[in-house]
Amino acid sequence: MQPFDPGKLYPNRPSPLFQDIQPCTVIPVHMRAKSAANEMRVTSSLVLHAIGQLLTGQTRMLQQISSEGGVNDVALISVIGDDECRLSVGDTITASMKHPTANLPLHVVLLTLGAAFSHHLFPEVGAAWQNVVEDATRLGLSLPMTERQLAETKMLRNNLIRLSDTLAYAIETTTIDIGNHTFTADGEDVTRSLLNGSAFPQPPMPIFDGPGSSVLSDLKRWIKRGVNVFLTGPTGTFKTSTANQAALVNKANLFSVQGRPGLEDRDFYGGVYPVPGKEPAWVPGPVAQAFDSAASGALTVLVFNEVTRFEPLYFNATIGMMDEYSGAELAAHGVTFTPDHLTAMGLNSQNDGRYYLLTLPNGESIACRKELLCFVGTANLGSDYVTTGELDAALLRRYERHVEMTFPDESVVMPLLIQAAGDPHLAEVAYRLEVFTRSQVVDDLGFSEEMSAEGLLKRAMNFSTTRTLLDEARELVESGVPARSAFIRAAQSTVVPYCVPRQPSGTLDPAARTRLEDDVMKHALQLSE
């Protein structure tokens, strides 16, 4: 095991994808990595080339999620041609290869970018990548783009150079150990999420096996039987994490679609993408992959996150693909299984089973046995959530089990918060503040979760907000700021803007802000100064 040499980021030759940007040229101050401050920085043609490969569809990224003994493990795998490299984050950051490869520096760049979305490392890298994605969207470019589009779109150059320098600086200031290890290159393809600039699927949190909780055990049982499940509840109640965990425990293949405005067919069914040196080829999306997986005889889970954010086109498509068919009805649609196919699905005859049928935009069909494909839908309901579609009886009846998720008990979340805080007392104070904010919220209709609610806050803290608060407070403490001051400062950039309502002008309501800041200070008094 040896650390990666950042000098490999600076070859003295231009990238074939950016021949107009000369290597090792001084970068203007306004295009440098912000963290580099006043340091002189030069262009890295290799980092630019890695970014270009991603933007033009010449590389893929996979995310592996596993959980052993209550400990989550998230790893990333970058794929360039036949080369694969795996990044894991523990006590150290390690990039592993099956065999030595000249593509190692490219892998390190891509995995560093991916870690900003999978492990929430390198926040400046994540922000710089978001700027590039937003630029492409404003210019009407669909990612991945062609090499010609990349070469001709000069308006992306400034943010691309800033992104490349931000990535290079992150790698230069981080120890990344390189090792040769055997690994399996499987996992969920998160390339599309990365190209969208959206968060990767979160790691499962195996926290629902505690006293008094049966959610995970019920989900495990339902998935084994192919029962469709709908999970509702406030944000931060681990709906998606619980679904992912149940799928992994059952060793099911897991696919997911994130509901959002602007969802395209390629994000849902799949699409045609450029292939280096070949004709453009069809690449299946998560829905087609899930049906293919179940059709091959594998237990499969397809998670539709935030169902109410699906636009009508995909909302209706979701309803249609959950319709059940008999063997005879499938045959009437022109679908007949071979004996080998039936055997793979555990059937003797086509008439023995019930099936789902997916019709792709190109007219092709994929059928699978109902018991092998479990649909799990999640939704945040209430006046505080943006929705593009309404739940109706047609959709609800297709989900055979409905679970209302609530905030987990203190005994369940506290170990996770202590891990984030690095200090049990700091974690406890933050959790007490979270619970307190729940008593300060009244919705637009005057309803509240707590009898004593005063209604000054727009929304209460949740697990994610509390963990973000602790992440920031811990970083401040480790930089030398006393715990009390760190807690108060961290709340200003995490809790306050999340919980306090905004006025019509867009500014935070002063009365609610002052009240919450006072409450933060009262809780902070329990910490040392």
Protein backbone atom coordinates (compact mmCIF):
# COMPACT_ATOMS: atom_id res chain seq x y z
CA MET A 1 0.00 0.00 0.00
CA GLN A 2 1.41 3.38 -0.99
CA PRO A 3 -0.11 6.87 -1.28
CA PHE A 4 -1.15 8.19 -4.65
CA ASP A 5 1.34 10.61 -6.18
CA PRO A 6 -0.49 13.85 -7.15
CA GLY A 7 2.35 14.62 -9.56
CA LYS A 8 0.69 12.14 -11.93
CA LEU A 9 -2.12 14.65 -12.41
CA TYR A 10 0.18 16.94 -14.40
CA PRO A 11 1.45 15.28 -17.60
CA ASN A 12 3.05 17.62 -20.09
CA ARG A 13 0.56 16.93 -22.87
CA PRO A 14 -2.95 18.26 -23.54
CA SER A 15 -6.08 16.19 -23.18
CA PRO A 16 -7.43 14.93 -26.53
CA LEU A 17 -10.82 16.20 -25.35
CA PHE A 18 -9.53 19.70 -24.51
CA GLN A 19 -6.79 20.41 -26.99
CA ASP A 20 -7.38 24.16 -26.68
CA ILE A 21 -6.31 24.09 -22.99
CA GLN A 22 -2.57 23.80 -22.65
CA PRO A 23 -1.17 21.66 -19.78
CA CYS A 24 0.51 23.24 -16.75
CA THR A 25 -0.68 26.74 -17.68
CA VAL A 26 -1.17 29.21 -14.81
CA ILE A 27 -4.86 29.41 -13.86
CA PRO A 28 -6.33 32.91 -13.32
CA VAL A 29 -7.24 33.61 -9.71
CA HIS A 30 -11.01 33.67 -10.39
CA MET A 31 -10.87 30.13 -11.82
CA ARG A 32 -8.76 28.49 -9.11
CA ALA A 33 -9.95 26.20 -6.35
CA LYS A 34 -11.29 28.41 -3.57
CA SER A 35 -9.49 26.35 -0.92
CA ALA A 36 -6.16 27.04 -2.62
CA ALA A 37 -6.48 30.69 -1.55
CA ASN A 38 -3.59 32.65 -3.10
CA GLU A 39 -1.49 29.67 -4.18
CA MET A 40 -0.37 29.63 -7.79
CA ARG A 41 -2.22 26.87 -9.63
CA VAL A 42 -1.71 25.34 -13.08
CA THR A 43 -4.03 23.38 -15.34
CA SER A 44 -4.14 19.59 -15.09
CA SER A 45 -4.80 18.10 -18.50
CA LEU A 46 -5.32 14.68 -16.91
CA VAL A 47 -8.05 15.90 -14.53
CA LEU A 48 -9.71 17.70 -17.42
CA HIS A 49 -9.55 14.52 -19.50
CA ALA A 50 -11.22 12.50 -16.73
CA ILE A 51 -14.00 15.09 -16.49
CA GLY A 52 -14.38 15.05 -20.26
CA GLN A 53 -14.67 11.26 -20.31
CA LEU A 54 -17.48 11.44 -17.76
CA LEU A 55 -19.29 14.23 -19.61
CA THR A 56 -19.14 12.28 -22.89
CA GLY A 57 -20.26 8.94 -21.49
CA GLN A 58 -16.92 7.14 -21.72
CA THR A 59 -16.89 6.05 -18.09
CA ARG A 60 -19.36 4.66 -15.58
CA MET A 61 -19.60 4.76 -11.81
CA LEU A 62 -21.10 2.12 -9.54
CA GLN A 63 -21.97 2.36 -5.85
CA GLN A 64 -21.79 -0.69 -3.60
CA ILE A 65 -23.74 -0.62 -0.34
CA SER A 66 -23.43 -3.32 2.27
CA SER A 67 -24.05 -3.65 5.98
CA GLU A 68 -22.39 -6.07 8.36
CA GLY A 69 -22.92 -6.14 12.07
CA GLY A 70 -24.78 -2.83 12.06
CA VAL A 71 -21.94 -1.01 10.28
CA ASN A 72 -22.58 0.49 6.84
CA ASP A 73 -20.00 0.19 4.10
CA VAL A 74 -20.23 2.30 0.95
CA ALA A 75 -17.75 1.87 -1.87
CA LEU A 76 -17.47 3.40 -5.33
CA ILE A 77 -16.20 1.73 -8.49
CA SER A 78 -15.16 3.66 -11.58
CA VAL A 79 -15.20 1.80 -14.89
CA ILE A 80 -13.10 2.94 -17.86
CA GLY A 81 -13.29 0.40 -20.65
CA ASP A 82 -12.15 -2.89 -19.10
CA ASP A 83 -10.40 -1.13 -16.20
CA GLU A 84 -12.04 -0.91 -12.79
CA CYS A 85 -10.96 0.80 -9.59
CA ARG A 86 -12.69 0.69 -6.19
CA LEU A 87 -12.68 3.47 -3.59
CA SER A 88 -13.46 2.70 0.05
CA VAL A 89 -13.54 5.14 2.96
CA GLY A 90 -12.69 4.01 6.48
CA ASP A 91 -9.85 5.03 8.72
CA THR A 92 -8.11 5.83 5.43
CA ILE A 93 -9.25 6.47 1.86
CA THR A 94 -8.14 3.57 -0.31
CA ALA A 95 -8.28 3.06 -4.06
CA SER A 96 -7.94 -0.59 -5.05
CA MET A 97 -7.12 -2.13 -8.41
CA LYS A 98 -7.23 -5.74 -9.52
CA HIS A 99 -4.05 -5.18 -11.53
CA PRO A 100 -1.78 -2.22 -12.34
CA THR A 101 -3.26 0.13 -14.93
CA ALA A 102 -2.20 3.31 -16.69
CA ASN A 103 -5.70 4.62 -16.03
CA LEU A 104 -5.12 4.82 -12.26
CA PRO A 105 -4.86 8.66 -12.13
CA LEU A 106 -8.09 8.96 -14.13
CA HIS A 107 -9.82 6.57 -11.73
CA VAL A 108 -8.60 8.56 -8.73
CA VAL A 109 -10.03 11.77 -10.20
CA LEU A 110 -13.41 10.23 -10.99
CA LEU A 111 -13.68 8.51 -7.61
CA THR A 112 -12.80 11.73 -5.80
CA LEU A 113 -15.64 13.43 -7.65
CA GLY A 114 -17.99 10.56 -6.83
CA ALA A 115 -17.03 10.66 -3.13
CA ALA A 116 -18.48 14.16 -2.94
CA PHE A 117 -21.90 12.60 -3.55
CA SER A 118 -21.55 9.15 -1.95
CA HIS A 119 -19.61 9.98 1.22
CA HIS A 120 -20.25 13.75 1.40
CA LEU A 121 -16.51 14.36 1.22
CA PHE A 122 -14.94 17.30 -0.65
CA PRO A 123 -17.96 19.67 -0.55
CA GLU A 124 -16.15 22.23 -2.73
CA VAL A 125 -15.76 19.55 -5.41
CA GLY A 126 -19.48 18.77 -5.25
CA ALA A 127 -20.37 22.47 -5.61
CA ALA A 128 -17.98 22.93 -8.55
CA TRP A 129 -19.49 19.91 -10.33
CA GLN A 130 -23.02 21.26 -9.72
CA ASN A 131 -21.98 24.51 -11.44
CA VAL A 132 -20.86 22.57 -14.53
CA VAL A 133 -24.11 20.56 -14.62
CA GLU A 134 -26.17 23.75 -14.25
CA ASP A 135 -24.16 25.41 -17.05
CA ALA A 136 -24.87 22.48 -19.34
CA THR A 137 -28.58 22.65 -18.51
CA ARG A 138 -28.73 26.39 -19.23
CA LEU A 139 -27.04 25.79 -22.57
CA GLY A 140 -29.60 23.12 -23.47
CA LEU A 141 -27.06 20.28 -23.39
CA SER A 142 -28.15 16.81 -22.36
CA LEU A 143 -25.56 14.78 -20.46
CA PRO A 144 -23.73 12.76 -21.54
CA MET A 145 -22.91 14.98 -24.53
CA THR A 146 -20.91 14.18 -27.65
CA GLU A 147 -17.19 14.93 -27.96
CA ARG A 148 -18.03 17.45 -30.65
CA GLN A 149 -20.43 19.30 -28.35
CA LEU A 150 -17.78 19.34 -25.63
CA ALA A 151 -15.18 20.75 -28.00
CA GLU A 152 -17.51 23.42 -29.39
CA THR A 153 -19.09 24.59 -26.12
CA LYS A 154 -16.59 27.20 -24.97
CA MET A 155 -19.02 28.69 -22.43
CA LEU A 156 -18.33 25.70 -20.14
CA ARG A 157 -14.59 26.35 -20.03
CA ASN A 158 -14.31 28.60 -16.95
CA ASN A 159 -16.31 26.31 -14.67
CA LEU A 160 -14.60 23.23 -16.11
CA ILE A 161 -11.18 24.68 -15.28
CA ARG A 162 -12.36 25.61 -11.79
CA LEU A 163 -13.75 22.10 -11.30
CA SER A 164 -10.51 20.51 -12.53
CA ASP A 165 -8.42 22.63 -10.18
CA THR A 166 -10.78 21.97 -7.26
CA LEU A 167 -10.47 18.22 -7.90
CA ALA A 168 -6.70 18.42 -8.27
CA TYR A 169 -6.37 20.41 -5.04
CA ALA A 170 -8.60 17.95 -3.14
CA ILE A 171 -6.42 15.05 -4.29
CA GLU A 172 -3.19 16.91 -3.49
CA THR A 173 -4.34 17.65 0.06
CA THR A 174 -5.79 14.19 0.78
CA THR A 175 -3.90 10.96 1.37
CA ILE A 176 -5.34 8.30 -0.93
CA ASP A 177 -3.71 4.91 -0.45
CA ILE A 178 -3.32 2.68 -3.51
CA GLY A 179 -3.52 -1.09 -3.23
CA ASN A 180 -4.01 -4.19 -5.37
CA HIS A 181 -7.04 -6.16 -4.22
CA THR A 182 -9.59 -8.45 -5.79
CA PHE A 183 -13.14 -7.13 -5.71
CA THR A 184 -16.44 -7.71 -7.46
CA ALA A 185 -17.44 -4.90 -9.79
CA ASP A 186 -21.14 -4.92 -9.04
CA GLY A 187 -23.47 -2.42 -7.45
CA GLU A 188 -25.96 0.23 -8.48
CA ASP A 189 -25.02 2.32 -11.51
CA VAL A 190 -24.99 5.93 -10.24
CA THR A 191 -23.59 7.52 -13.40
CA ARG A 192 -26.94 9.10 -14.19
CA SER A 193 -27.24 10.54 -10.67
CA LEU A 194 -23.76 12.02 -11.02
CA LEU A 195 -24.55 13.55 -14.41
CA ASN A 196 -27.70 15.04 -12.90
CA GLY A 197 -25.71 16.46 -9.99
CA SER A 198 -28.06 14.67 -7.60
CA ALA A 199 -27.31 12.77 -4.42
CA PHE A 200 -26.48 9.07 -4.64
CA PRO A 201 -28.74 6.54 -2.89
CA GLN A 202 -28.04 6.78 0.81
CA PRO A 203 -26.51 3.83 2.65
CA PRO A 204 -28.97 1.67 4.52
CA MET A 205 -29.21 2.39 8.21
CA PRO A 206 -29.87 -0.90 10.03
CA ILE A 207 -31.60 0.79 12.91
CA PHE A 208 -35.10 -0.60 12.80
CA ASP A 209 -34.47 -3.89 14.56
CA GLY A 210 -34.56 -2.19 17.94
CA PRO A 211 -37.15 -2.77 20.69
CA GLY A 212 -40.70 -2.10 19.61
CA SER A 213 -39.88 -1.82 15.91
CA SER A 214 -41.14 -4.24 13.28
CA VAL A 215 -40.80 -2.12 10.13
CA LEU A 216 -37.67 -3.79 8.84
CA SER A 217 -38.81 -7.31 9.68
CA ASP A 218 -42.16 -6.69 7.96
CA LEU A 219 -40.44 -5.29 4.88
CA LYS A 220 -38.09 -8.27 4.69
CA ARG A 221 -41.06 -10.63 4.82
CA TRP A 222 -43.07 -8.70 2.22
CA ILE A 223 -40.15 -8.43 -0.22
CA LYS A 224 -39.64 -12.19 -0.12
CA ARG A 225 -43.23 -12.61 -1.24
CA GLY A 226 -43.21 -9.85 -3.86
CA VAL A 227 -45.68 -7.72 -1.91
CA ASN A 228 -45.71 -4.05 -2.97
CA VAL A 229 -45.24 -1.56 -0.13
CA PHE A 230 -45.91 2.16 0.23
CA LEU A 231 -43.96 4.09 2.89
CA THR A 232 -45.09 7.55 3.96
CA GLY A 233 -43.97 9.91 6.67
CA PRO A 234 -41.98 13.10 7.27
CA THR A 235 -38.56 13.56 5.75
CA GLY A 236 -35.83 12.09 7.94
CA THR A 237 -37.75 8.99 9.01
CA PHE A 238 -35.55 6.60 6.98
CA LYS A 239 -38.14 5.48 4.46
CA THR A 240 -35.66 4.93 1.63
CA SER A 241 -32.94 3.62 3.92
CA THR A 242 -35.30 1.05 5.38
CA ALA A 243 -36.36 -0.13 1.92
CA ASN A 244 -32.73 -0.41 0.80
CA GLN A 245 -31.77 -2.30 3.96
CA ALA A 246 -34.63 -4.78 3.60
CA ALA A 247 -33.65 -5.44 -0.02
CA LEU A 248 -30.00 -6.02 0.86
CA VAL A 249 -30.84 -8.33 3.77
CA ASN A 250 -32.90 -10.42 1.35
CA LYS A 251 -30.00 -10.36 -1.15
CA ALA A 252 -32.36 -8.84 -3.69
CA ASN A 253 -31.17 -6.79 -6.65
CA LEU A 254 -31.96 -3.15 -5.89
CA PHE A 255 -32.89 -0.37 -8.33
CA SER A 256 -34.36 3.05 -7.67
CA VAL A 257 -35.89 6.05 -9.42
CA GLN A 258 -35.91 9.48 -7.79
CA GLY A 259 -39.10 11.41 -8.44
CA ARG A 260 -38.46 14.97 -9.60
CA PRO A 261 -39.74 17.52 -12.11
CA GLY A 262 -37.92 17.19 -15.42
CA LEU A 263 -37.49 13.40 -15.23
CA GLU A 264 -36.75 12.00 -18.68
CA ASP A 265 -37.28 8.63 -20.35
CA ARG A 266 -33.54 7.91 -20.12
CA ASP A 267 -33.71 8.35 -16.31
CA PHE A 268 -36.69 6.01 -16.13
CA TYR A 269 -36.65 3.42 -18.93
CA GLY A 270 -33.19 4.04 -20.41
CA GLY A 271 -31.81 5.75 -23.48
CA VAL A 272 -29.36 5.68 -26.37
CA TYR A 273 -25.86 6.82 -25.39
CA PRO A 274 -22.64 7.33 -27.35
CA VAL A 275 -20.17 4.44 -27.17
CA PRO A 276 -16.49 5.20 -27.87
CA GLY A 277 -15.48 3.78 -31.25
CA LYS A 278 -18.92 2.27 -31.88
CA GLU A 279 -22.44 3.24 -32.87
CA PRO A 280 -24.64 4.75 -30.12
CA ALA A 281 -26.21 1.96 -28.06
CA TRP A 282 -29.26 1.47 -25.86
CA VAL A 283 -28.45 1.60 -22.14
CA PRO A 284 -31.32 0.41 -19.92
CA GLY A 285 -32.48 2.68 -17.11
CA PRO A 286 -33.45 1.55 -13.60
CA VAL A 287 -36.99 0.44 -14.51
CA ALA A 288 -35.86 -1.68 -17.46
CA GLN A 289 -32.96 -3.06 -15.40
CA ALA A 290 -35.34 -4.06 -12.61
CA PHE A 291 -37.69 -5.90 -14.99
CA ASP A 292 -34.73 -7.62 -16.69
CA SER A 293 -33.41 -8.68 -13.29
CA ALA A 294 -36.73 -10.19 -12.20
CA ALA A 295 -37.23 -11.79 -15.63
CA SER A 296 -33.90 -13.60 -15.17
CA GLY A 297 -35.25 -15.19 -11.97
CA ALA A 298 -33.61 -12.89 -9.39
CA LEU A 299 -35.54 -11.41 -6.46
CA THR A 300 -35.66 -7.70 -7.27
CA VAL A 301 -36.74 -4.49 -5.53
CA LEU A 302 -37.61 -1.33 -7.46
CA VAL A 303 -37.87 1.76 -5.23
CA PHE A 304 -39.82 4.78 -6.44
CA ASN A 305 -38.63 7.61 -4.21
CA GLU A 306 -40.94 10.59 -3.69
CA VAL A 307 -43.77 9.23 -5.80
CA THR A 308 -45.76 12.46 -5.56
CA ARG A 309 -42.95 14.34 -7.37
CA PHE A 310 -43.40 12.24 -10.52
CA GLU A 311 -44.94 14.16 -13.38
CA PRO A 312 -48.22 12.73 -14.79
CA LEU A 313 -46.48 10.87 -17.65
CA TYR A 314 -44.36 8.77 -15.27
CA PHE A 315 -47.01 8.68 -12.56
CA ASN A 316 -49.35 6.95 -15.03
CA ALA A 317 -46.53 4.73 -16.33
CA THR A 318 -45.90 3.57 -12.75
CA ILE A 319 -49.54 2.59 -12.38
CA GLY A 320 -49.48 0.72 -15.68
CA MET A 321 -46.39 -1.35 -14.98
CA MET A 322 -47.88 -2.53 -11.68
CA ASP A 323 -50.89 -4.11 -13.41
CA GLU A 324 -50.99 -7.89 -13.06
CA TYR A 325 -51.40 -10.31 -15.95
CA SER A 326 -52.22 -13.99 -16.18
CA GLY A 327 -50.18 -16.28 -18.40
CA ALA A 328 -52.97 -16.27 -20.99
CA GLU A 329 -53.15 -12.48 -20.97
CA LEU A 330 -49.40 -12.30 -21.52
CA ALA A 331 -49.68 -14.65 -24.46
CA ALA A 332 -52.41 -12.39 -25.90
CA HIS A 333 -49.86 -9.56 -25.73
CA GLY A 334 -47.42 -11.66 -27.71
CA VAL A 335 -45.26 -12.72 -24.74
CA THR A 336 -44.46 -16.44 -24.48
CA PHE A 337 -41.73 -17.76 -22.19
CA THR A 338 -39.32 -20.52 -23.15
CA PRO A 339 -39.06 -23.57 -20.85
CA ASP A 340 -35.63 -22.36 -19.64
CA HIS A 341 -37.07 -18.95 -18.87
CA LEU A 342 -39.93 -20.48 -16.89
CA THR A 343 -37.49 -22.67 -14.95
CA ALA A 344 -35.39 -19.59 -14.06
CA MET A 345 -38.52 -17.98 -12.61
CA GLY A 346 -39.43 -21.13 -10.68
CA LEU A 347 -42.41 -22.07 -12.84
CA ASN A 348 -43.41 -25.17 -14.81
CA SER A 349 -45.94 -23.51 -17.07
CA GLN A 350 -46.74 -19.96 -18.13
CA ASN A 351 -50.24 -20.46 -16.76
CA ASP A 352 -48.85 -21.15 -13.27
CA GLY A 353 -47.95 -17.55 -12.46
CA ARG A 354 -49.01 -13.92 -12.30
CA TYR A 355 -46.87 -11.37 -14.12
CA TYR A 356 -45.93 -7.73 -14.62
CA LEU A 357 -45.45 -6.39 -18.13
CA LEU A 358 -43.30 -3.38 -19.05
CA THR A 359 -43.62 -1.81 -22.49
CA LEU A 360 -40.61 0.34 -23.40
CA PRO A 361 -40.90 3.52 -25.50
CA ASN A 362 -39.46 1.62 -28.50
CA GLY A 363 -42.32 -0.90 -28.32
CA GLU A 364 -40.32 -3.79 -26.81
CA SER A 365 -41.80 -5.63 -23.83
CA ILE A 366 -40.26 -7.19 -20.71
CA ALA A 367 -42.36 -9.52 -18.58
CA CYS A 368 -41.49 -10.98 -15.19
CA ARG A 369 -43.08 -13.05 -12.48
CA LYS A 370 -44.93 -10.93 -9.91
CA GLU A 371 -43.38 -12.64 -6.89
CA LEU A 372 -39.87 -11.76 -8.10
CA LEU A 373 -40.41 -7.99 -8.39
CA CYS A 374 -41.36 -5.90 -5.38
CA PHE A 375 -42.29 -2.24 -5.87
CA VAL A 376 -41.61 0.04 -2.91
CA GLY A 377 -42.92 3.60 -3.09
CA THR A 378 -42.02 6.42 -0.72
CA ALA A 379 -43.65 9.81 -0.27
CA ASN A 380 -43.41 12.86 1.96
CA LEU A 381 -46.99 14.03 2.44
CA GLY A 382 -48.19 17.36 3.80
CA SER A 383 -48.28 21.05 3.02
CA ASP A 384 -44.51 21.52 3.36
CA TYR A 385 -43.61 19.29 0.39
CA VAL A 386 -43.62 20.19 -3.29
CA THR A 387 -45.66 17.71 -5.34
CA THR A 388 -46.39 17.36 -9.03
CA GLY A 389 -48.97 14.60 -8.74
CA GLU A 390 -51.68 13.48 -6.34
CA LEU A 391 -52.04 10.03 -4.86
CA ASP A 392 -55.20 8.41 -6.13
CA ALA A 393 -57.03 5.16 -5.56
CA ALA A 394 -55.59 3.62 -8.74
CA LEU A 395 -52.05 3.90 -7.40
CA LEU A 396 -52.80 3.21 -3.76
CA ARG A 397 -54.59 -0.07 -4.48
CA ARG A 398 -51.51 -1.38 -6.32
CA TYR A 399 -49.48 -1.03 -3.13
CA GLU A 400 -50.69 -3.93 -1.01
CA ARG A 401 -49.17 -2.75 2.27
CA HIS A 402 -48.99 0.80 3.64
CA VAL A 403 -46.65 1.89 6.44
CA GLU A 404 -46.64 5.30 8.13
CA MET A 405 -43.07 5.97 9.25
CA THR A 406 -42.47 8.03 12.38
CA PHE A 407 -39.37 9.54 13.93
CA PRO A 408 -37.22 6.73 15.40
CA ASP A 409 -36.62 6.46 19.14
CA GLU A 410 -33.66 8.11 20.84
CA SER A 411 -32.07 4.73 21.56
CA VAL A 412 -32.10 4.03 17.84
CA VAL A 413 -30.63 7.27 16.47
CA MET A 414 -28.24 8.20 19.27
CA PRO A 415 -25.44 5.78 18.26
CA LEU A 416 -25.49 7.28 14.76
CA LEU A 417 -25.45 10.84 16.10
CA ILE A 418 -22.57 10.05 18.45
CA GLN A 419 -20.66 8.67 15.48
CA ALA A 420 -21.25 11.93 13.61
CA ALA A 421 -20.39 14.15 16.58
CA GLY A 422 -17.45 12.22 17.98
CA ASP A 423 -18.74 13.33 21.40
CA PRO A 424 -21.71 11.72 23.21
CA HIS A 425 -22.57 14.91 25.10
CA LEU A 426 -22.59 17.05 21.96
CA ALA A 427 -24.80 14.46 20.23
CA GLU A 428 -27.24 14.45 23.15
CA VAL A 429 -27.56 18.26 23.18
CA ALA A 430 -28.22 18.28 19.43
CA TYR A 431 -30.87 15.58 19.75
CA ARG A 432 -32.58 17.50 22.58
CA LEU A 433 -32.73 20.54 20.29
CA GLU A 434 -34.26 18.41 17.54
CA VAL A 435 -36.98 17.12 19.85
CA PHE A 436 -37.64 20.66 21.08
CA THR A 437 -38.18 21.99 17.55
CA ARG A 438 -40.95 19.45 17.02
CA SER A 439 -42.93 21.31 19.70
CA GLN A 440 -42.59 24.60 17.84
CA VAL A 441 -44.30 23.78 14.55
CA VAL A 442 -47.90 24.30 13.47
CA ASP A 443 -48.88 23.66 9.86
CA ASP A 444 -50.99 25.92 7.65
CA LEU A 445 -54.19 24.38 8.98
CA GLY A 446 -53.20 24.82 12.62
CA PHE A 447 -52.34 21.19 13.28
CA SER A 448 -49.27 20.10 15.20
CA GLU A 449 -47.41 16.96 16.23
CA GLU A 450 -47.17 18.35 19.77
CA MET A 451 -49.86 19.68 22.09
CA SER A 452 -47.62 22.58 23.18
CA ALA A 453 -46.70 23.83 19.72
CA GLU A 454 -46.39 27.61 19.42
CA GLY A 455 -46.14 27.64 15.66
CA LEU A 456 -43.14 29.91 15.14
CA LEU A 457 -41.13 27.44 13.06
CA LYS A 458 -41.85 26.35 9.51
CA ARG A 459 -40.48 22.85 10.06
CA ALA A 460 -38.80 20.80 12.77
CA MET A 461 -35.32 19.34 12.67
CA ASN A 462 -34.96 15.72 11.64
CA PHE A 463 -32.17 13.16 11.68
CA SER A 464 -30.50 14.60 8.59
CA THR A 465 -30.60 18.15 9.94
CA THR A 466 -29.21 17.05 13.29
CA ARG A 467 -26.42 15.06 11.68
CA THR A 468 -25.52 18.04 9.48
CA LEU A 469 -25.43 20.25 12.58
CA LEU A 470 -23.10 17.79 14.28
CA ASP A 471 -20.86 17.43 11.21
CA GLU A 472 -20.33 21.19 11.15
CA ALA A 473 -19.94 21.50 14.93
CA ARG A 474 -17.39 18.69 14.99
CA GLU A 475 -15.34 20.33 12.24
CA LEU A 476 -15.31 23.60 14.18
CA VAL A 477 -14.34 21.86 17.42
CA GLU A 478 -11.50 20.04 15.68
CA SER A 479 -10.26 23.41 14.38
CA GLY A 480 -10.02 24.71 17.94
CA VAL A 481 -13.42 26.38 18.50
CA PRO A 482 -14.93 25.64 21.96
CA ALA A 483 -17.87 23.25 21.87
CA ARG A 484 -20.49 25.81 22.92
CA SER A 485 -19.46 28.37 20.31
CA ALA A 486 -19.10 25.64 17.69
CA PHE A 487 -22.66 24.43 18.35
CA ILE A 488 -24.09 27.95 18.06
CA ARG A 489 -22.13 28.74 14.89
CA ALA A 490 -23.03 25.43 13.29
CA ALA A 491 -26.74 25.98 13.99
CA GLN A 492 -26.63 29.29 12.10
CA SER A 493 -25.77 27.56 8.82
CA THR A 494 -27.80 24.37 9.31
CA VAL A 495 -30.73 24.48 11.74
CA VAL A 496 -31.80 28.12 11.48
CA PRO A 497 -32.24 28.36 7.68
CA TYR A 498 -33.96 24.96 7.61
CA CYS A 499 -36.47 25.52 10.41
CA VAL A 500 -37.30 29.24 10.27
CA PRO A 501 -40.05 30.38 7.86
CA ARG A 502 -39.33 33.00 5.24
CA GLN A 503 -41.19 36.23 4.65
CA PRO A 504 -42.64 37.14 1.22
CA SER A 505 -39.40 39.04 0.56
CA GLY A 506 -37.45 35.80 0.97
CA THR A 507 -35.74 36.78 4.21
CA LEU A 508 -35.99 34.69 7.37
CA ASP A 509 -38.80 35.73 9.69
CA PRO A 510 -37.03 37.85 12.36
CA ALA A 511 -39.26 36.86 15.28
CA ALA A 512 -38.98 33.13 14.59
CA ARG A 513 -35.25 33.44 13.95
CA THR A 514 -34.60 35.30 17.19
CA ARG A 515 -36.64 32.80 19.16
CA LEU A 516 -34.86 29.80 17.65
CA GLU A 517 -31.43 31.39 18.16
CA ASP A 518 -32.32 31.93 21.83
CA ASP A 519 -33.35 28.28 22.11
CA VAL A 520 -30.11 27.18 20.45
CA MET A 521 -28.11 29.22 22.97
CA LYS A 522 -30.07 27.74 25.88
CA HIS A 523 -29.25 24.23 24.71
CA ALA A 524 -25.63 25.22 24.05
CA LEU A 525 -25.19 26.27 27.69
CA GLN A 526 -24.89 22.56 28.49
CA LEU A 527 -21.62 22.49 26.52
CA SER A 528 -18.21 23.69 27.66
CA GLU A 529 -16.94 27.09 26.51
